[in-house]
C-alpha cells in the first residue's frame, strides 16, 4: 500500500482517533466555579442539575451565503515560492468559542485556512466562491425534560480559491458563537481545533484539492457532573461539506458516504 493511500486512510479515521485525543484536551483546564447556592440546590434537587445524555442534540438550522469577504481581513505579500500541493494552515489552529457561558471567538480574528505553502493571505488566490455559513443549534435537557442549554453557533468557510488557475483551497474556516442561553446552575464551554494532520490534498499534485476537518469540543457542567463530547466537520476546497461525527439530528454519515473516503476505501485501484 502506497504512502498516499495510507495517509488518506488515516485522515478518514481521524475523527475516531486524533479527534478523541486532540480536542478533549482543549477543555481540559475548563474548571467551572459554582456559587454556594448552586451547590446546595444541586444536593437537594439533583434531577435539575443532571443532564439527560439522550437529550443532547445538534440541529442544522440554516445554510446561507455571506454577501462579501469582509470577515477575511486585508491581504499581505506572498512568500517567494508557492508549492501547490503542500497544503498548510497559515492561520488559527485552536480557539475558544464559548467559555463558561460567555461568547469568546471573533469572526475577524479566529479562522483557519488550507492553502499552498508560500501563500500568506486569502487575496493572493483568485476565483473564491462566496463565503458559506451553516447555523447550528445545540440543545440539552435535564432529567425533568427542561431545556437547560440552548446555544447557537455558526460554521463559516470560503472555498474555491485558485493559484494561477490551479487547485481549490480553503480560507476563513471558523466556528463562532451566535447566541448562548444557559440555565442557572449550568456552565457551557465550546472550543474548536484544526489539527495539522487533518489538512490534506485529496486532489492531484498538479491540481490540488484542499481538505480539512474542524473539531468542535463541548462541555456541559453542573455542581454534580460534567458531560463532554466532540463533533467533527469535514470541508473541501470545492465547497463539499459534511458533518462526520456528533449528536446531529440528521442521518449519521457512513464511511462509504464520505466523499473523500469513498474512493480510497471502496475502490483503491481507481486512485492511480
Protein backbone atom coordinates (compact mmCIF):
# COMPACT_ATOMS: atom_id res chain seq x y z
CA UNK A 1 0.00 0.00 0.00
CA UNK A 2 1.48 3.36 -1.02
CA UNK A 3 2.17 6.23 1.36
CA UNK A 4 -0.56 8.25 -0.41
CA UNK A 5 -3.24 5.68 0.38
CA UNK A 6 -2.03 5.22 3.96
CA UNK A 7 -2.10 8.98 4.58
CA UNK A 8 -5.61 9.32 3.15
CA UNK A 9 -6.92 6.37 5.17
CA UNK A 10 -5.51 7.84 8.36
CA UNK A 11 -7.21 11.14 7.56
CA UNK A 12 -10.57 9.41 7.17
CA UNK A 13 -10.35 7.80 10.58
CA UNK A 14 -9.03 10.83 12.44
CA UNK A 15 -12.42 11.53 13.95
CA UNK A 16 -12.16 8.29 15.92
CA UNK A 17 -8.52 8.66 16.97
CA UNK A 18 -6.95 12.11 16.70
CA UNK A 19 -10.27 13.80 17.43
CA UNK A 20 -10.70 11.99 20.71
CA UNK A 21 -7.12 12.68 21.82
CA UNK A 22 -6.70 16.19 20.43
CA UNK A 23 -9.92 18.07 21.07
CA UNK A 24 -10.67 16.68 24.50
CA UNK A 25 -7.52 18.47 25.71
CA UNK A 26 -8.98 21.80 24.58
CA UNK A 27 -11.30 21.93 27.58
CA UNK A 28 -9.07 20.02 29.98
CA UNK A 29 -8.44 23.15 32.03
CA UNK A 30 -12.06 24.28 31.87
CA UNK A 31 -12.94 24.10 35.58
CA UNK A 32 -16.16 25.97 36.38
CA UNK A 33 -16.73 27.58 39.76
CA UNK A 34 -20.23 27.32 41.22
CA UNK A 35 -21.89 29.54 43.79
CA UNK A 36 -22.74 28.12 47.20
CA UNK A 37 -26.44 28.45 46.36
CA UNK A 38 -25.93 26.33 43.21
CA UNK A 39 -24.07 23.63 45.13
CA UNK A 40 -26.75 23.48 47.83
CA UNK A 41 -29.54 23.29 45.27
CA UNK A 42 -27.71 20.52 43.41
CA UNK A 43 -27.69 18.43 46.58
CA UNK A 44 -31.41 18.90 47.28
CA UNK A 45 -32.56 18.85 43.65
CA UNK A 46 -30.18 16.60 41.67
CA UNK A 47 -32.59 15.98 38.78
CA UNK A 48 -32.49 19.67 37.85
CA UNK A 49 -28.69 19.67 37.84
CA UNK A 50 -28.26 16.47 35.83
CA UNK A 51 -28.19 16.42 32.03
CA UNK A 52 -30.11 13.69 30.24
CA UNK A 53 -27.44 12.40 27.78
CA UNK A 54 -30.13 11.27 25.32
CA UNK A 55 -31.41 14.85 25.05
CA UNK A 56 -28.17 16.33 23.74
CA UNK A 57 -28.57 17.17 20.06
CA UNK A 58 -27.21 19.45 17.36
CA UNK A 59 -29.58 20.65 14.66
CA UNK A 60 -28.66 22.41 11.42
CA UNK A 61 -30.86 25.49 11.47
CA UNK A 62 -29.88 27.43 8.35
CA UNK A 63 -27.50 27.49 5.38
CA UNK A 64 -26.71 30.73 3.57
CA UNK A 65 -24.07 32.59 1.57
CA UNK A 66 -22.41 35.66 3.01
CA UNK A 67 -22.60 38.84 0.92
CA UNK A 68 -18.87 39.63 0.88
CA UNK A 69 -15.37 38.70 2.06
CA UNK A 70 -15.08 41.41 4.73
CA UNK A 71 -14.51 38.93 7.54
CA UNK A 72 -11.30 37.68 5.91
CA UNK A 73 -9.46 40.94 6.55
CA UNK A 74 -6.72 42.63 4.46
CA UNK A 75 -4.14 40.89 2.31
CA UNK A 76 -0.40 40.52 2.75
CA UNK A 77 2.57 39.96 0.41
CA UNK A 78 3.05 36.31 -0.51
CA UNK A 79 6.21 34.30 0.03
CA UNK A 80 8.91 33.89 -2.60
CA UNK A 81 7.90 30.35 -3.54
CA UNK A 82 4.46 28.78 -3.77
CA UNK A 83 4.20 24.98 -3.61
CA UNK A 84 0.75 24.00 -4.88
CA UNK A 85 0.48 20.52 -3.34
CA UNK A 86 2.00 21.41 0.05
CA UNK A 87 -1.19 22.47 1.81
CA UNK A 88 -0.91 24.07 5.23
CA UNK A 89 -2.97 26.07 7.72
CA UNK A 90 -1.48 29.57 7.83
CA UNK A 91 -3.86 30.96 10.43
CA UNK A 92 -5.53 29.81 13.69
CA UNK A 93 -5.32 26.16 14.77
CA UNK A 94 -7.10 26.23 18.16
CA UNK A 95 -9.61 28.68 19.58
CA UNK A 96 -12.22 29.02 22.32
CA UNK A 97 -15.75 29.79 21.17
CA UNK A 98 -17.71 29.90 24.43
CA UNK A 99 -16.12 29.90 27.88
CA UNK A 100 -18.31 29.38 30.94
CA UNK A 101 -21.45 30.64 29.13
CA UNK A 102 -19.66 33.70 27.70
CA UNK A 103 -19.09 34.04 23.91
CA UNK A 104 -15.40 34.47 23.14
CA UNK A 105 -14.49 33.88 19.49
CA UNK A 106 -14.45 36.74 17.00
CA UNK A 107 -15.07 36.20 13.29
CA UNK A 108 -12.38 38.76 12.42
CA UNK A 109 -9.53 37.12 14.33
CA UNK A 110 -10.11 33.37 14.58
CA UNK A 111 -10.18 31.26 11.47
CA UNK A 112 -8.21 28.50 9.78
CA UNK A 113 -7.15 28.03 6.16
CA UNK A 114 -5.87 25.26 3.88
CA UNK A 115 -3.71 26.96 1.27
CA UNK A 116 -0.49 26.23 -0.62
CA UNK A 117 2.82 26.79 1.13
CA UNK A 118 4.13 30.27 0.30
CA UNK A 119 0.72 31.94 0.38
CA UNK A 120 0.21 34.33 3.30
CA UNK A 121 -3.23 35.85 2.66
CA UNK A 122 -6.51 34.86 1.06
CA UNK A 123 -6.44 37.54 -1.65
CA UNK A 124 -3.26 36.10 -3.18
CA UNK A 125 -5.57 33.47 -4.68
CA UNK A 126 -8.42 34.10 -7.12
CA UNK A 127 -11.87 32.72 -8.02
CA UNK A 128 -13.07 32.42 -4.42
CA UNK A 129 -16.72 31.46 -4.02
CA UNK A 130 -18.97 33.43 -1.70
CA UNK A 131 -18.49 32.52 1.98
CA UNK A 132 -20.91 29.83 3.16
CA UNK A 133 -22.49 29.80 6.64
CA UNK A 134 -24.12 26.87 8.46
CA UNK A 135 -26.09 27.84 11.56
CA UNK A 136 -26.48 25.15 14.23
CA UNK A 137 -28.48 24.85 17.41
CA UNK A 138 -27.02 22.91 20.34
CA UNK A 139 -29.60 21.73 22.87
CA UNK A 140 -29.64 19.75 26.12
CA UNK A 141 -32.25 18.98 28.76
CA UNK A 142 -32.09 17.97 32.41
CA UNK A 143 -33.84 14.94 33.89
CA UNK A 144 -37.07 16.93 34.24
CA UNK A 145 -37.12 17.45 30.48
CA UNK A 146 -36.45 21.18 30.78
CA UNK A 147 -34.11 22.72 28.21
CA UNK A 148 -31.05 23.92 30.13
CA UNK A 149 -28.66 24.56 27.24
CA UNK A 150 -29.75 26.44 24.10
CA UNK A 151 -26.72 27.59 22.12
CA UNK A 152 -26.42 28.75 18.52
CA UNK A 153 -23.13 28.72 16.61
CA UNK A 154 -22.03 29.22 13.02
CA UNK A 155 -19.65 27.19 10.88
CA UNK A 156 -18.29 29.52 8.17
CA UNK A 157 -15.88 28.86 5.32
CA UNK A 158 -14.79 30.22 1.95
CA UNK A 159 -13.87 27.68 -0.75
CA UNK A 160 -12.66 27.54 -4.34
CA UNK A 161 -9.58 29.74 -4.26
CA UNK A 162 -7.11 29.04 -7.10
CA UNK A 163 -3.48 29.93 -7.60
CA UNK A 164 -2.84 30.85 -11.24
CA UNK A 165 -5.85 28.75 -12.24
CA UNK A 166 -4.74 25.67 -10.31
CA UNK A 167 -6.08 23.96 -7.22
CA UNK A 168 -9.07 24.61 -4.99
CA UNK A 169 -8.27 25.83 -1.50
CA UNK A 170 -9.99 26.94 1.71
CA UNK A 171 -9.84 30.04 3.87
CA UNK A 172 -11.92 31.73 6.55
CA UNK A 173 -12.84 28.38 8.13
CA UNK A 174 -14.18 29.16 11.57
CA UNK A 175 -16.82 28.42 14.20
CA UNK A 176 -18.21 31.39 16.12
CA UNK A 177 -21.00 31.85 18.70
CA UNK A 178 -24.36 33.19 17.57
CA UNK A 179 -26.27 33.01 20.87
CA UNK A 180 -25.83 31.46 24.31
CA UNK A 181 -28.76 30.73 26.63
CA UNK A 182 -27.80 28.53 29.58
CA UNK A 183 -29.93 27.91 32.69
CA UNK A 184 -28.96 28.82 36.24
CA UNK A 185 -26.67 26.22 37.78
CA UNK A 186 -25.17 25.23 34.42
CA UNK A 187 -21.90 26.14 32.68
CA UNK A 188 -21.29 25.59 28.97
CA UNK A 189 -17.97 25.78 27.09
CA UNK A 190 -17.14 25.26 23.43
CA UNK A 191 -13.76 25.10 21.67
CA UNK A 192 -12.55 24.30 18.15
CA UNK A 193 -9.37 22.98 16.58
CA UNK A 194 -7.99 22.17 13.14
CA UNK A 195 -5.11 19.70 13.70
CA UNK A 196 -2.40 19.91 11.06
CA UNK A 197 -2.76 16.17 10.48
CA UNK A 198 -6.29 16.68 9.10
CA UNK A 199 -5.22 19.13 6.38
CA UNK A 200 -4.72 17.11 3.22
CA UNK A 201 -4.69 17.16 -0.56
CA UNK A 202 -7.46 14.90 -1.90
CA UNK A 203 -6.80 16.03 -5.47
CA UNK A 204 -3.62 15.63 -7.52
CA UNK A 205 -0.15 17.15 -7.26
CA UNK A 206 -0.81 19.26 -10.37
CA UNK A 207 -4.34 20.31 -9.44
CA UNK A 208 -4.68 20.03 -5.64
CA UNK A 209 -7.98 19.88 -3.76
CA UNK A 210 -7.59 21.00 -0.17
CA UNK A 211 -9.50 19.31 2.65
CA UNK A 212 -9.62 19.74 6.41
CA UNK A 213 -11.51 18.61 9.48
CA UNK A 214 -12.72 21.03 12.14
CA UNK A 215 -13.10 19.51 15.60
CA UNK A 216 -15.67 21.02 17.95
CA UNK A 217 -15.32 20.10 21.62
CA UNK A 218 -18.12 20.93 24.06
CA UNK A 219 -18.60 20.64 27.82
CA UNK A 220 -21.71 20.99 29.99
CA UNK A 221 -21.03 21.28 33.73
CA UNK A 222 -23.11 21.44 36.90
CA UNK A 223 -22.11 21.20 40.55
CA UNK A 224 -22.81 17.46 40.26
CA UNK A 225 -21.31 16.36 36.95
CA UNK A 226 -19.71 17.35 33.66
CA UNK A 227 -20.69 15.99 30.24
CA UNK A 228 -18.25 16.15 27.31
CA UNK A 229 -18.49 15.48 23.60
CA UNK A 230 -16.97 16.16 20.21
CA UNK A 231 -18.40 16.95 16.80
CA UNK A 232 -16.44 16.90 13.53
CA UNK A 233 -16.95 18.83 10.30
CA UNK A 234 -15.27 17.89 7.01
CA UNK A 235 -14.72 20.61 4.37
CA UNK A 236 -13.17 20.53 0.89
CA UNK A 237 -11.82 23.22 -1.37
CA UNK A 238 -14.56 22.59 -3.93
CA UNK A 239 -17.17 23.53 -1.32
CA UNK A 240 -18.15 20.00 -0.28
CA UNK A 241 -19.20 19.95 3.38
CA UNK A 242 -20.35 17.24 5.76
CA UNK A 243 -20.92 16.54 9.45
CA UNK A 244 -18.83 13.46 10.20
CA UNK A 245 -19.40 12.86 13.90
CA UNK A 246 -21.54 14.31 16.67
CA UNK A 247 -25.06 14.23 18.17
CA UNK A 248 -26.64 15.55 14.97
CA UNK A 249 -30.36 15.08 14.41
CA UNK A 250 -29.78 14.29 10.71
CA UNK A 251 -28.97 10.81 9.37
CA UNK A 252 -25.49 9.67 10.55
CA UNK A 253 -22.82 9.67 7.86
CA UNK A 254 -21.36 6.29 6.91
CA UNK A 255 -17.80 5.80 5.70
CA UNK A 256 -18.97 4.91 2.18
CA UNK A 257 -20.87 8.22 2.02
CA UNK A 258 -17.89 10.45 2.82
CA UNK A 259 -16.71 11.96 -0.45
CA UNK A 260 -13.02 11.91 0.45
CA UNK A 261 -13.06 8.41 1.89
CA UNK A 262 -15.28 6.51 -0.52
CA UNK A 263 -12.91 6.10 -3.48
CA UNK A 264 -9.99 5.12 -1.25
CA UNK A 265 -11.86 2.61 0.88
CA UNK A 266 -14.11 1.09 -1.77
CA UNK A 267 -12.08 1.30 -4.98
CA UNK A 268 -8.38 1.92 -4.17
CA UNK A 269 -7.30 0.99 -7.71
CA UNK A 270 -9.22 3.92 -9.19
CA UNK A 271 -6.96 6.42 -7.45
CA UNK A 272 -3.91 5.59 -9.61
